[in-house]
PDB file of N, CA and C in Angstrom:
ATOM      1  N   UNK A   1       6.539 -77.832 -15.568  1.00  0.00           N
ATOM      2  CA  UNK A   1       5.145 -77.757 -15.108  1.00  0.00           C
ATOM      3  C   UNK A   1       4.591 -76.553 -15.608  1.00  0.00           C
ATOM      4  N   UNK A   2       3.435 -76.700 -16.314  1.00  0.00           N
ATOM      5  CA  UNK A   2       2.761 -75.513 -16.920  1.00  0.00           C
ATOM      6  C   UNK A   2       1.386 -75.331 -16.191  1.00  0.00           C
ATOM      7  N   UNK A   3       1.062 -74.019 -16.067  1.00  0.00           N
ATOM      8  CA  UNK A   3      -0.304 -73.655 -15.453  1.00  0.00           C
ATOM      9  C   UNK A   3      -1.331 -74.142 -16.461  1.00  0.00           C
ATOM     10  N   UNK A   4      -2.496 -74.557 -15.664  1.00  0.00           N
ATOM     11  CA  UNK A   4      -3.641 -74.991 -16.481  1.00  0.00           C
ATOM     12  C   UNK A   4      -4.408 -73.718 -16.993  1.00  0.00           C
ATOM     13  N   UNK A   5      -4.718 -73.638 -18.305  1.00  0.00           N
ATOM     14  CA  UNK A   5      -5.354 -72.543 -18.926  1.00  0.00           C
ATOM     15  C   UNK A   5      -6.938 -72.541 -18.661  1.00  0.00           C
ATOM     16  N   UNK A   6      -7.553 -71.354 -18.594  1.00  0.00           N
ATOM     17  CA  UNK A   6      -8.902 -71.314 -18.397  1.00  0.00           C
ATOM     18  C   UNK A   6      -9.591 -71.668 -19.845  1.00  0.00           C
ATOM     19  N   UNK A   7     -10.548 -72.605 -19.995  1.00  0.00           N
ATOM     20  CA  UNK A   7     -11.255 -72.773 -21.317  1.00  0.00           C
ATOM     21  C   UNK A   7     -12.076 -71.605 -21.546  1.00  0.00           C
ATOM     22  N   UNK A   8     -12.116 -71.353 -22.935  1.00  0.00           N
ATOM     23  CA  UNK A   8     -12.819 -70.147 -23.410  1.00  0.00           C
ATOM     24  C   UNK A   8     -14.318 -70.182 -22.888  1.00  0.00           C
ATOM     25  N   UNK A   9     -14.793 -69.084 -22.277  1.00  0.00           N
ATOM     26  CA  UNK A   9     -16.059 -68.923 -21.843  1.00  0.00           C
ATOM     27  C   UNK A   9     -16.410 -69.856 -20.498  1.00  0.00           C
ATOM     28  N   UNK A  10     -15.373 -70.397 -19.878  1.00  0.00           N
ATOM     29  CA  UNK A  10     -15.452 -71.305 -18.796  1.00  0.00           C
ATOM     30  C   UNK A  10     -14.688 -70.877 -17.565  1.00  0.00           C
ATOM     31  N   UNK A  11     -14.579 -71.795 -16.541  1.00  0.00           N
ATOM     32  CA  UNK A  11     -13.955 -71.555 -15.378  1.00  0.00           C
ATOM     33  C   UNK A  11     -13.010 -72.751 -15.022  1.00  0.00           C
ATOM     34  N   UNK A  12     -12.019 -72.577 -14.378  1.00  0.00           N
ATOM     35  CA  UNK A  12     -11.162 -73.793 -13.908  1.00  0.00           C
ATOM     36  C   UNK A  12     -11.949 -74.367 -12.818  1.00  0.00           C
ATOM     37  N   UNK A  13     -11.638 -75.821 -12.799  1.00  0.00           N
ATOM     38  CA  UNK A  13     -12.282 -76.511 -11.570  1.00  0.00           C
ATOM     39  C   UNK A  13     -11.326 -76.172 -10.296  1.00  0.00           C
ATOM     40  N   UNK A  14     -11.832 -76.441  -9.180  1.00  0.00           N
ATOM     41  CA  UNK A  14     -11.129 -76.135  -7.930  1.00  0.00           C
ATOM     42  C   UNK A  14      -9.910 -76.762  -7.865  1.00  0.00           C
ATOM     43  N   UNK A  15      -9.834 -78.109  -8.291  1.00  0.00           N
ATOM     44  CA  UNK A  15      -8.513 -78.757  -8.204  1.00  0.00           C
ATOM     45  C   UNK A  15      -7.509 -78.145  -9.194  1.00  0.00           C
ATOM     46  N   UNK A  16      -7.969 -77.623 -10.358  1.00  0.00           N
ATOM     47  CA  UNK A  16      -7.077 -77.127 -11.244  1.00  0.00           C
ATOM     48  C   UNK A  16      -6.519 -75.654 -10.694  1.00  0.00           C
ATOM     49  N   UNK A  17      -7.419 -74.860 -10.052  1.00  0.00           N
ATOM     50  CA  UNK A  17      -6.889 -73.807  -9.401  1.00  0.00           C
ATOM     51  C   UNK A  17      -5.924 -73.880  -8.232  1.00  0.00           C
ATOM     52  N   UNK A  18      -6.067 -74.947  -7.404  1.00  0.00           N
ATOM     53  CA  UNK A  18      -5.234 -75.257  -6.384  1.00  0.00           C
ATOM     54  C   UNK A  18      -3.866 -75.678  -6.962  1.00  0.00           C
ATOM     55  N   UNK A  19      -3.885 -76.483  -8.130  1.00  0.00           N
ATOM     56  CA  UNK A  19      -2.606 -76.918  -8.753  1.00  0.00           C
ATOM     57  C   UNK A  19      -1.861 -75.651  -9.314  1.00  0.00           C
ATOM     58  N   UNK A  20      -2.631 -74.810  -9.887  1.00  0.00           N
ATOM     59  CA  UNK A  20      -2.030 -73.533 -10.427  1.00  0.00           C
ATOM     60  C   UNK A  20      -1.365 -72.642  -9.301  1.00  0.00           C
ATOM     61  N   UNK A  21      -2.082 -72.695  -8.069  1.00  0.00           N
ATOM     62  CA  UNK A  21      -1.599 -71.826  -6.987  1.00  0.00           C
ATOM     63  C   UNK A  21      -0.192 -72.527  -6.458  1.00  0.00           C
ATOM     64  N   UNK A  22      -0.220 -73.787  -6.316  1.00  0.00           N
ATOM     65  CA  UNK A  22       1.001 -74.453  -6.022  1.00  0.00           C
ATOM     66  C   UNK A  22       2.211 -74.373  -6.878  1.00  0.00           C
ATOM     67  N   UNK A  23       1.890 -74.259  -8.203  1.00  0.00           N
ATOM     68  CA  UNK A  23       2.959 -74.058  -9.197  1.00  0.00           C
ATOM     69  C   UNK A  23       3.458 -72.696  -9.112  1.00  0.00           C
ATOM     70  N   UNK A  24       2.443 -71.836  -8.912  1.00  0.00           N
ATOM     71  CA  UNK A  24       2.937 -70.320  -8.834  1.00  0.00           C
ATOM     72  C   UNK A  24       3.792 -70.132  -7.643  1.00  0.00           C
ATOM     73  N   UNK A  25       3.311 -70.714  -6.307  1.00  0.00           N
ATOM     74  CA  UNK A  25       4.044 -70.317  -5.267  1.00  0.00           C
ATOM     75  C   UNK A  25       5.665 -70.973  -5.465  1.00  0.00           C
ATOM     76  N   UNK A  26       5.787 -72.149  -5.933  1.00  0.00           N
ATOM     77  CA  UNK A  26       7.073 -72.612  -6.215  1.00  0.00           C
ATOM     78  C   UNK A  26       7.893 -71.862  -7.219  1.00  0.00           C
ATOM     79  N   UNK A  27       7.214 -71.356  -8.369  1.00  0.00           N
ATOM     80  CA  UNK A  27       7.840 -70.737  -9.440  1.00  0.00           C
ATOM     81  C   UNK A  27       8.255 -69.202  -8.942  1.00  0.00           C
ATOM     82  N   UNK A  28       7.433 -68.470  -8.047  1.00  0.00           N
ATOM     83  CA  UNK A  28       7.699 -67.280  -7.719  1.00  0.00           C
ATOM     84  C   UNK A  28       8.948 -67.291  -6.863  1.00  0.00           C
ATOM     85  N   UNK A  29       9.273 -68.195  -5.862  1.00  0.00           N
ATOM     86  CA  UNK A  29      10.387 -68.144  -5.174  1.00  0.00           C
ATOM     87  C   UNK A  29      11.727 -68.278  -5.913  1.00  0.00           C
ATOM     88  N   UNK A  30      11.659 -68.938  -6.963  1.00  0.00           N
ATOM     89  CA  UNK A  30      12.855 -69.203  -7.854  1.00  0.00           C
ATOM     90  C   UNK A  30      13.033 -67.952  -8.777  1.00  0.00           C
ATOM     91  N   UNK A  31      12.055 -67.438  -9.222  1.00  0.00           N
ATOM     92  CA  UNK A  31      12.136 -66.316 -10.217  1.00  0.00           C
ATOM     93  C   UNK A  31      12.391 -64.953  -9.678  1.00  0.00           C
ATOM     94  N   UNK A  32      11.993 -64.733  -8.413  1.00  0.00           N
ATOM     95  CA  UNK A  32      12.180 -63.476  -7.790  1.00  0.00           C
ATOM     96  C   UNK A  32      13.634 -62.914  -7.722  1.00  0.00           C
ATOM     97  N   UNK A  33      14.545 -63.707  -7.384  1.00  0.00           N
ATOM     98  CA  UNK A  33      15.942 -63.216  -7.367  1.00  0.00           C
ATOM     99  C   UNK A  33      16.344 -62.849  -8.829  1.00  0.00           C
ATOM    100  N   UNK A  34      16.062 -63.474  -9.694  1.00  0.00           N
ATOM    101  CA  UNK A  34      16.462 -63.039 -11.155  1.00  0.00           C
ATOM    102  C   UNK A  34      15.898 -61.709 -11.534  1.00  0.00           C
ATOM    103  N   UNK A  35      14.591 -61.502 -11.102  1.00  0.00           N
ATOM    104  CA  UNK A  35      14.071 -60.213 -11.385  1.00  0.00           C
ATOM    105  C   UNK A  35      14.781 -59.065 -10.609  1.00  0.00           C
ATOM    106  N   UNK A  36      15.173 -59.190  -9.374  1.00  0.00           N
ATOM    107  CA  UNK A  36      15.784 -58.321  -8.736  1.00  0.00           C
ATOM    108  C   UNK A  36      17.092 -57.992  -9.278  1.00  0.00           C
ATOM    109  N   UNK A  37      17.886 -59.048  -9.782  1.00  0.00           N
ATOM    110  CA  UNK A  37      19.137 -58.819 -10.381  1.00  0.00           C
ATOM    111  C   UNK A  37      19.086 -58.102 -11.670  1.00  0.00           C
ATOM    112  N   UNK A  38      18.004 -58.327 -12.457  1.00  0.00           N
ATOM    113  CA  UNK A  38      17.775 -57.725 -13.752  1.00  0.00           C
ATOM    114  C   UNK A  38      17.587 -56.205 -13.447  1.00  0.00           C
ATOM    115  N   UNK A  39      16.738 -55.931 -12.428  1.00  0.00           N
ATOM    116  CA  UNK A  39      16.442 -54.651 -12.122  1.00  0.00           C
ATOM    117  C   UNK A  39      17.660 -53.713 -11.763  1.00  0.00           C
ATOM    118  N   UNK A  40      18.447 -54.367 -10.606  1.00  0.00           N
ATOM    119  CA  UNK A  40      19.705 -53.880 -10.196  1.00  0.00           C
ATOM    120  C   UNK A  40      20.617 -53.460 -11.357  1.00  0.00           C
ATOM    121  N   UNK A  41      20.811 -54.381 -12.244  1.00  0.00           N
ATOM    122  CA  UNK A  41      21.822 -54.034 -13.426  1.00  0.00           C
ATOM    123  C   UNK A  41      21.113 -53.477 -14.518  1.00  0.00           C
ATOM    124  N   UNK A  42      19.931 -53.201 -14.449  1.00  0.00           N
ATOM    125  CA  UNK A  42      19.225 -52.478 -15.592  1.00  0.00           C
ATOM    126  C   UNK A  42      19.296 -53.283 -16.923  1.00  0.00           C
ATOM    127  N   UNK A  43      19.120 -54.642 -16.745  1.00  0.00           N
ATOM    128  CA  UNK A  43      19.327 -55.435 -18.178  1.00  0.00           C
ATOM    129  C   UNK A  43      18.072 -55.917 -18.407  1.00  0.00           C
ATOM    130  N   UNK A  44      17.229 -54.988 -19.227  1.00  0.00           N
ATOM    131  CA  UNK A  44      16.023 -55.279 -19.824  1.00  0.00           C
ATOM    132  C   UNK A  44      16.188 -55.900 -21.130  1.00  0.00           C
ATOM    133  N   UNK A  45      15.271 -55.484 -22.064  1.00  0.00           N
ATOM    134  CA  UNK A  45      15.309 -56.046 -23.255  1.00  0.00           C
ATOM    135  C   UNK A  45      16.558 -55.387 -24.122  1.00  0.00           C
ATOM    136  N   UNK A  46      17.071 -56.186 -24.859  1.00  0.00           N
ATOM    137  CA  UNK A  46      18.258 -55.579 -25.697  1.00  0.00           C
ATOM    138  C   UNK A  46      17.894 -55.952 -27.283  1.00  0.00           C
ATOM    139  N   UNK A  47      18.016 -54.843 -28.026  1.00  0.00           N
ATOM    140  CA  UNK A  47      17.871 -54.978 -29.396  1.00  0.00           C
ATOM    141  C   UNK A  47      19.245 -55.227 -30.277  1.00  0.00           C
ATOM    142  N   UNK A  48      19.179 -56.332 -31.034  1.00  0.00           N
ATOM    143  CA  UNK A  48      20.342 -56.804 -31.824  1.00  0.00           C
ATOM    144  C   UNK A  48      20.310 -55.792 -33.127  1.00  0.00           C
ATOM    145  N   UNK A  49      21.267 -55.108 -33.407  1.00  0.00           N
ATOM    146  CA  UNK A  49      21.344 -54.236 -34.577  1.00  0.00           C
ATOM    147  C   UNK A  49      22.412 -54.544 -35.479  1.00  0.00           C
ATOM    148  N   UNK A  50      23.224 -55.535 -35.204  1.00  0.00           N
ATOM    149  CA  UNK A  50      24.248 -55.690 -36.158  1.00  0.00           C
ATOM    150  C   UNK A  50      24.221 -56.997 -37.098  1.00  0.00           C
ATOM    151  N   UNK A  51      22.965 -57.503 -36.954  1.00  0.00           N
ATOM    152  CA  UNK A  51      22.802 -58.786 -37.754  1.00  0.00           C
ATOM    153  C   UNK A  51      22.301 -58.373 -39.164  1.00  0.00           C
ATOM    154  N   UNK A  52      22.824 -59.186 -40.155  1.00  0.00           N
ATOM    155  CA  UNK A  52      22.372 -58.859 -41.579  1.00  0.00           C
ATOM    156  C   UNK A  52      20.943 -59.123 -41.837  1.00  0.00           C
ATOM    157  N   UNK A  53      20.375 -59.953 -40.840  1.00  0.00           N
ATOM    158  CA  UNK A  53      18.806 -60.213 -41.179  1.00  0.00           C
ATOM    159  C   UNK A  53      17.995 -58.840 -40.645  1.00  0.00           C
ATOM    160  N   UNK A  54      18.490 -58.068 -39.863  1.00  0.00           N
ATOM    161  CA  UNK A  54      17.792 -56.931 -39.579  1.00  0.00           C
ATOM    162  C   UNK A  54      17.839 -55.794 -40.689  1.00  0.00           C
ATOM    163  N   UNK A  55      16.591 -55.345 -41.014  1.00  0.00           N
ATOM    164  CA  UNK A  55      16.698 -54.415 -42.267  1.00  0.00           C
ATOM    165  C   UNK A  55      16.357 -53.121 -41.859  1.00  0.00           C
TER     166      UNK A  55
END
């Protein structure tokens, strides 16, 4: 499920805003534990430096 994007120079309709809010509330309850775990174990971005493709 993807959020509805606002059109350029326009606004979302009321039903689109409500749909986005429902999706956000469901998504937030599932993503929050992962954010806490990443913060506790300090596992942010990792840079790969051993690949031959990196110059």
